[in-house]
Amino acid sequence: MNNEERILQILERQEKTLEKHGEMLEKHGEMLEKHGEMLEKLTATVDRIQIDVSGIKVRLDVEVKQQFDLLAEGQQIIRETMVPQSRVEELEADVSVLKTAVRMLSQDVAELKKAQ
């Protein structure tokens, strides 16, 4: 084989290699394009999710604050209407005295009835 034939063979191989590289670059370009489209879709999805989450956070903040405010208001009303423990203890002592007095008076009445 002479030099010219060798040079032609080398050039043919390089041409085939370049064609393969061109095909590979084309495939890579298509893949990059698909990845770009996927990235755009994902970005749009993330944006929608962020908007939804922000709305949920705002709604929760408002609703939870309202519920805590209502709870605090209810507790305040209960505190205002509750009888103090000292007052309850006084009333219990008074009831105990009254029970003793009624018992003694009942005994006195019973004895008076017997005496008649």
N, C-alpha and C. Protein backbone atom coordinates (compact mmCIF):
# COMPACT_ATOMS: atom_id res chain seq x y z
N MET A 1 0.85 -1.17 0.00
CA MET A 1 0.00 0.00 0.00
C MET A 1 0.90 1.24 0.00
N ASN A 2 0.58 2.12 -0.86
CA ASN A 2 1.42 3.30 -0.97
C ASN A 2 0.92 4.40 -0.03
N ASN A 3 1.63 5.46 0.04
CA ASN A 3 1.34 6.55 0.98
C ASN A 3 0.00 7.22 0.68
N GLU A 4 -0.30 7.35 -0.58
CA GLU A 4 -1.56 7.99 -0.94
C GLU A 4 -2.75 7.18 -0.44
N GLU A 5 -2.66 5.86 -0.58
CA GLU A 5 -3.75 4.99 -0.12
C GLU A 5 -3.87 5.05 1.39
N ARG A 6 -2.75 5.10 2.04
CA ARG A 6 -2.77 5.19 3.52
C ARG A 6 -3.40 6.52 3.95
N ILE A 7 -3.02 7.55 3.28
CA ILE A 7 -3.57 8.88 3.61
C ILE A 7 -5.08 8.87 3.39
N LEU A 8 -5.53 8.25 2.30
CA LEU A 8 -6.97 8.16 2.02
C LEU A 8 -7.70 7.36 3.09
N GLN A 9 -7.10 6.28 3.52
CA GLN A 9 -7.70 5.46 4.58
C GLN A 9 -7.82 6.26 5.88
N ILE A 10 -6.77 6.98 6.21
CA ILE A 10 -6.77 7.79 7.43
C ILE A 10 -7.84 8.88 7.32
N LEU A 11 -7.93 9.49 6.15
CA LEU A 11 -8.93 10.54 5.96
C LEU A 11 -10.34 9.97 6.05
N GLU A 12 -10.54 8.77 5.49
CA GLU A 12 -11.86 8.12 5.57
C GLU A 12 -12.23 7.82 7.03
N ARG A 13 -11.25 7.31 7.77
CA ARG A 13 -11.50 7.01 9.20
C ARG A 13 -11.83 8.29 9.96
N GLN A 14 -11.09 9.33 9.67
CA GLN A 14 -11.34 10.61 10.35
C GLN A 14 -12.72 11.15 9.97
N GLU A 15 -13.09 10.95 8.70
CA GLU A 15 -14.41 11.40 8.27
C GLU A 15 -15.51 10.63 9.00
N LYS A 16 -15.35 9.32 9.12
CA LYS A 16 -16.32 8.49 9.85
C LYS A 16 -16.37 8.90 11.32
N THR A 17 -15.20 9.16 11.89
CA THR A 17 -15.13 9.59 13.30
C THR A 17 -15.83 10.92 13.48
N LEU A 18 -15.60 11.83 12.54
CA LEU A 18 -16.25 13.13 12.62
C LEU A 18 -17.77 12.99 12.48
N GLU A 19 -18.22 12.10 11.60
CA GLU A 19 -19.66 11.86 11.45
C GLU A 19 -20.25 11.33 12.75
N LYS A 20 -19.54 10.37 13.35
CA LYS A 20 -20.01 9.81 14.63
C LYS A 20 -20.07 10.90 15.70
N HIS A 21 -19.04 11.72 15.75
CA HIS A 21 -19.01 12.83 16.72
C HIS A 21 -20.16 13.80 16.46
N GLY A 22 -20.42 14.06 15.18
CA GLY A 22 -21.53 14.94 14.82
C GLY A 22 -22.85 14.36 15.28
N GLU A 23 -23.03 13.05 15.06
CA GLU A 23 -24.26 12.38 15.51
C GLU A 23 -24.38 12.44 17.04
N MET A 24 -23.26 12.20 17.70
CA MET A 24 -23.27 12.23 19.16
C MET A 24 -23.59 13.64 19.66
N LEU A 25 -23.01 14.64 19.01
CA LEU A 25 -23.30 16.02 19.41
C LEU A 25 -24.77 16.35 19.17
N GLU A 26 -25.31 15.85 18.10
CA GLU A 26 -26.73 16.08 17.80
C GLU A 26 -27.61 15.45 18.88
N LYS A 27 -27.25 14.20 19.25
CA LYS A 27 -28.01 13.52 20.31
C LYS A 27 -27.89 14.28 21.64
N HIS A 28 -26.69 14.73 21.94
CA HIS A 28 -26.48 15.50 23.17
C HIS A 28 -27.30 16.79 23.13
N GLY A 29 -27.34 17.42 21.97
CA GLY A 29 -28.13 18.64 21.82
C GLY A 29 -29.61 18.37 22.07
N GLU A 30 -30.12 17.25 21.53
CA GLU A 30 -31.51 16.88 21.75
C GLU A 30 -31.77 16.60 23.23
N MET A 31 -30.81 15.89 23.85
CA MET A 31 -30.97 15.59 25.27
C MET A 31 -30.97 16.88 26.10
N LEU A 32 -30.08 17.80 25.75
CA LEU A 32 -30.03 19.07 26.48
C LEU A 32 -31.34 19.84 26.30
N GLU A 33 -31.89 19.78 25.11
CA GLU A 33 -33.16 20.45 24.86
C GLU A 33 -34.27 19.84 25.71
N LYS A 34 -34.31 18.50 25.77
CA LYS A 34 -35.32 17.82 26.60
C LYS A 34 -35.13 18.16 28.06
N HIS A 35 -33.86 18.18 28.49
CA HIS A 35 -33.59 18.53 29.89
C HIS A 35 -34.02 19.95 30.18
N GLY A 36 -33.81 20.86 29.23
CA GLY A 36 -34.25 22.24 29.40
C GLY A 36 -35.76 22.32 29.56
N GLU A 37 -36.48 21.57 28.72
CA GLU A 37 -37.94 21.55 28.83
C GLU A 37 -38.39 21.00 30.17
N MET A 38 -37.73 19.91 30.60
CA MET A 38 -38.07 19.33 31.90
C MET A 38 -37.80 20.31 33.02
N LEU A 39 -36.68 21.02 32.92
CA LEU A 39 -36.32 22.00 33.94
C LEU A 39 -37.34 23.13 34.00
N GLU A 40 -37.81 23.57 32.84
CA GLU A 40 -38.84 24.62 32.80
C GLU A 40 -40.12 24.14 33.47
N LYS A 41 -40.51 22.89 33.18
CA LYS A 41 -41.73 22.33 33.80
C LYS A 41 -41.56 22.23 35.31
N LEU A 42 -40.40 21.75 35.74
CA LEU A 42 -40.14 21.63 37.18
C LEU A 42 -40.14 23.00 37.85
N THR A 43 -39.55 23.98 37.20
CA THR A 43 -39.52 25.33 37.75
C THR A 43 -40.93 25.88 37.90
N ALA A 44 -41.76 25.65 36.87
CA ALA A 44 -43.15 26.12 36.95
C ALA A 44 -43.89 25.41 38.08
N THR A 45 -43.63 24.12 38.24
CA THR A 45 -44.28 23.35 39.32
C THR A 45 -43.84 23.87 40.68
N VAL A 46 -42.55 24.11 40.83
CA VAL A 46 -42.03 24.62 42.11
C VAL A 46 -42.63 25.99 42.40
N ASP A 47 -42.75 26.83 41.37
CA ASP A 47 -43.35 28.16 41.57
C ASP A 47 -44.79 28.04 42.05
N ARG A 48 -45.56 27.13 41.44
CA ARG A 48 -46.95 26.93 41.88
C ARG A 48 -47.01 26.41 43.31
N ILE A 49 -46.11 25.49 43.63
CA ILE A 49 -46.09 24.93 45.00
C ILE A 49 -45.74 26.03 46.00
N GLN A 50 -44.78 26.88 45.66
CA GLN A 50 -44.40 27.97 46.57
C GLN A 50 -45.58 28.93 46.79
N ILE A 51 -46.32 29.21 45.74
CA ILE A 51 -47.49 30.09 45.87
C ILE A 51 -48.53 29.42 46.77
N ASP A 52 -48.77 28.12 46.53
CA ASP A 52 -49.74 27.39 47.36
C ASP A 52 -49.32 27.38 48.82
N VAL A 53 -48.04 27.10 49.07
CA VAL A 53 -47.54 27.04 50.45
C VAL A 53 -47.66 28.41 51.12
N SER A 54 -47.36 29.46 50.39
CA SER A 54 -47.48 30.81 50.96
C SER A 54 -48.93 31.09 51.35
N GLY A 55 -49.86 30.71 50.46
CA GLY A 55 -51.28 30.90 50.77
C GLY A 55 -51.71 30.11 51.99
N ILE A 56 -51.23 28.89 52.08
CA ILE A 56 -51.56 28.03 53.23
C ILE A 56 -51.00 28.64 54.51
N LYS A 57 -49.76 29.13 54.45
CA LYS A 57 -49.15 29.73 55.64
C LYS A 57 -49.95 30.94 56.11
N VAL A 58 -50.33 31.78 55.16
CA VAL A 58 -51.10 32.98 55.52
C VAL A 58 -52.42 32.58 56.15
N ARG A 59 -53.11 31.61 55.51
CA ARG A 59 -54.40 31.17 56.04
C ARG A 59 -54.26 30.57 57.43
N LEU A 60 -53.24 29.74 57.61
CA LEU A 60 -53.02 29.15 58.93
C LEU A 60 -52.72 30.22 59.97
N ASP A 61 -51.87 31.17 59.61
CA ASP A 61 -51.55 32.25 60.55
C ASP A 61 -52.82 32.97 60.99
N VAL A 62 -53.67 33.28 60.04
CA VAL A 62 -54.90 34.02 60.35
C VAL A 62 -55.84 33.15 61.18
N GLU A 63 -56.07 31.91 60.72
CA GLU A 63 -57.03 31.05 61.41
C GLU A 63 -56.56 30.67 62.81
N VAL A 64 -55.29 30.32 62.93
CA VAL A 64 -54.76 29.93 64.24
C VAL A 64 -54.79 31.12 65.20
N LYS A 65 -54.43 32.29 64.70
CA LYS A 65 -54.47 33.49 65.56
C LYS A 65 -55.89 33.75 66.02
N GLN A 66 -56.86 33.63 65.11
CA GLN A 66 -58.26 33.85 65.50
C GLN A 66 -58.69 32.83 66.55
N GLN A 67 -58.31 31.58 66.37
CA GLN A 67 -58.70 30.55 67.33
C GLN A 67 -58.05 30.80 68.68
N PHE A 68 -56.79 31.20 68.70
CA PHE A 68 -56.14 31.50 69.97
C PHE A 68 -56.79 32.71 70.64
N ASP A 69 -57.14 33.70 69.84
CA ASP A 69 -57.81 34.87 70.40
C ASP A 69 -59.15 34.48 71.01
N LEU A 70 -59.92 33.63 70.31
CA LEU A 70 -61.20 33.17 70.85
C LEU A 70 -61.00 32.36 72.13
N LEU A 71 -59.98 31.51 72.12
CA LEU A 71 -59.68 30.71 73.31
C LEU A 71 -59.33 31.62 74.49
N ALA A 72 -58.49 32.61 74.24
CA ALA A 72 -58.11 33.54 75.32
C ALA A 72 -59.33 34.31 75.82
N GLU A 73 -60.19 34.69 74.89
CA GLU A 73 -61.41 35.41 75.29
C GLU A 73 -62.30 34.53 76.16
N GLY A 74 -62.43 33.26 75.76
CA GLY A 74 -63.23 32.32 76.55
C GLY A 74 -62.65 32.12 77.94
N GLN A 75 -61.33 32.02 78.01
CA GLN A 75 -60.68 31.85 79.31
C GLN A 75 -60.89 33.08 80.18
N GLN A 76 -60.84 34.25 79.58
CA GLN A 76 -61.05 35.49 80.33
C GLN A 76 -62.46 35.52 80.91
N ILE A 77 -63.44 35.12 80.10
CA ILE A 77 -64.83 35.09 80.57
C ILE A 77 -64.97 34.11 81.73
N ILE A 78 -64.33 32.96 81.62
CA ILE A 78 -64.38 31.96 82.70
C ILE A 78 -63.75 32.53 83.97
N ARG A 79 -62.61 33.19 83.82
CA ARG A 79 -61.95 33.79 84.99
C ARG A 79 -62.82 34.83 85.66
N GLU A 80 -63.50 35.62 84.84
CA GLU A 80 -64.35 36.68 85.39
C GLU A 80 -65.56 36.11 86.11
N THR A 81 -66.09 34.98 85.65
CA THR A 81 -67.30 34.43 86.26
C THR A 81 -66.99 33.43 87.36
N MET A 82 -65.75 33.02 87.50
CA MET A 82 -65.42 32.04 88.54
C MET A 82 -65.48 32.68 89.93
N VAL A 83 -65.93 31.87 90.86
CA VAL A 83 -65.94 32.30 92.26
C VAL A 83 -64.57 31.99 92.84
N PRO A 84 -63.98 32.93 93.55
CA PRO A 84 -62.65 32.68 94.13
C PRO A 84 -62.69 31.51 95.12
N GLN A 85 -61.60 30.80 95.21
CA GLN A 85 -61.50 29.64 96.09
C GLN A 85 -61.78 30.03 97.54
N SER A 86 -61.33 31.18 97.98
CA SER A 86 -61.56 31.61 99.36
C SER A 86 -63.06 31.76 99.63
N ARG A 87 -63.79 32.26 98.64
CA ARG A 87 -65.25 32.42 98.79
C ARG A 87 -65.92 31.06 98.90
N VAL A 88 -65.47 30.10 98.11
CA VAL A 88 -66.02 28.74 98.17
C VAL A 88 -65.76 28.14 99.55
N GLU A 89 -64.56 28.32 100.06
CA GLU A 89 -64.23 27.78 101.38
C GLU A 89 -65.10 28.42 102.46
N GLU A 90 -65.35 29.74 102.36
CA GLU A 90 -66.22 30.41 103.32
C GLU A 90 -67.63 29.81 103.28
N LEU A 91 -68.14 29.62 102.07
CA LEU A 91 -69.49 29.07 101.93
C LEU A 91 -69.57 27.65 102.48
N GLU A 92 -68.53 26.85 102.27
CA GLU A 92 -68.52 25.49 102.82
C GLU A 92 -68.55 25.53 104.34
N ALA A 93 -67.79 26.46 104.93
CA ALA A 93 -67.78 26.58 106.39
C ALA A 93 -69.17 27.01 106.88
N ASP A 94 -69.80 27.99 106.17
CA ASP A 94 -71.14 28.44 106.56
C ASP A 94 -72.15 27.30 106.47
N VAL A 95 -72.07 26.49 105.41
CA VAL A 95 -73.00 25.37 105.25
C VAL A 95 -72.81 24.37 106.37
N SER A 96 -71.57 24.12 106.75
CA SER A 96 -71.30 23.18 107.84
C SER A 96 -71.92 23.68 109.15
N VAL A 97 -71.79 25.00 109.42
CA VAL A 97 -72.37 25.59 110.62
C VAL A 97 -73.89 25.46 110.57
N LEU A 98 -74.46 25.75 109.41
CA LEU A 98 -75.93 25.67 109.27
C LEU A 98 -76.42 24.24 109.46
N LYS A 99 -75.70 23.27 108.95
CA LYS A 99 -76.09 21.87 109.13
C LYS A 99 -76.11 21.51 110.61
N THR A 100 -75.07 21.94 111.29
CA THR A 100 -74.99 21.65 112.73
C THR A 100 -76.15 22.32 113.47
N ALA A 101 -76.46 23.57 113.10
CA ALA A 101 -77.56 24.30 113.75
C ALA A 101 -78.88 23.61 113.47
N VAL A 102 -79.10 23.19 112.23
CA VAL A 102 -80.36 22.51 111.89
C VAL A 102 -80.47 21.20 112.66
N ARG A 103 -79.40 20.48 112.78
CA ARG A 103 -79.42 19.22 113.53
C ARG A 103 -79.79 19.48 115.00
N MET A 104 -79.16 20.49 115.56
CA MET A 104 -79.45 20.80 116.97
C MET A 104 -80.90 21.25 117.13
N LEU A 105 -81.38 22.10 116.21
CA LEU A 105 -82.76 22.57 116.29
C LEU A 105 -83.73 21.41 116.09
N SER A 106 -83.39 20.49 115.19
CA SER A 106 -84.25 19.32 114.97
C SER A 106 -84.33 18.48 116.24
N GLN A 107 -83.21 18.34 116.92
CA GLN A 107 -83.21 17.59 118.18
C GLN A 107 -84.06 18.31 119.23
N ASP A 108 -83.92 19.65 119.30
CA ASP A 108 -84.70 20.42 120.26
C ASP A 108 -86.19 20.29 119.96
N VAL A 109 -86.57 20.34 118.70
CA VAL A 109 -87.97 20.21 118.32
C VAL A 109 -88.48 18.83 118.69
N ALA A 110 -87.64 17.82 118.42
CA ALA A 110 -88.04 16.44 118.74
C ALA A 110 -88.24 16.30 120.26
N GLU A 111 -87.39 16.88 121.05
CA GLU A 111 -87.50 16.79 122.51
C GLU A 111 -88.75 17.55 123.00
N LEU A 112 -89.02 18.70 122.38
CA LEU A 112 -90.22 19.47 122.75
C LEU A 112 -91.47 18.69 122.43
N LYS A 113 -91.48 17.99 121.32
CA LYS A 113 -92.65 17.19 120.95
C LYS A 113 -92.86 16.05 121.95
N LYS A 114 -91.77 15.47 122.39
CA LYS A 114 -91.88 14.40 123.36
C LYS A 114 -92.39 14.95 124.69
N ALA A 115 -91.97 16.14 125.06
CA ALA A 115 -92.35 16.73 126.33
C ALA A 115 -93.83 17.08 126.33
N GLN A 116 -94.43 17.34 125.23
CA GLN A 116 -95.85 17.72 125.19
C GLN A 116 -96.66 16.55 125.46
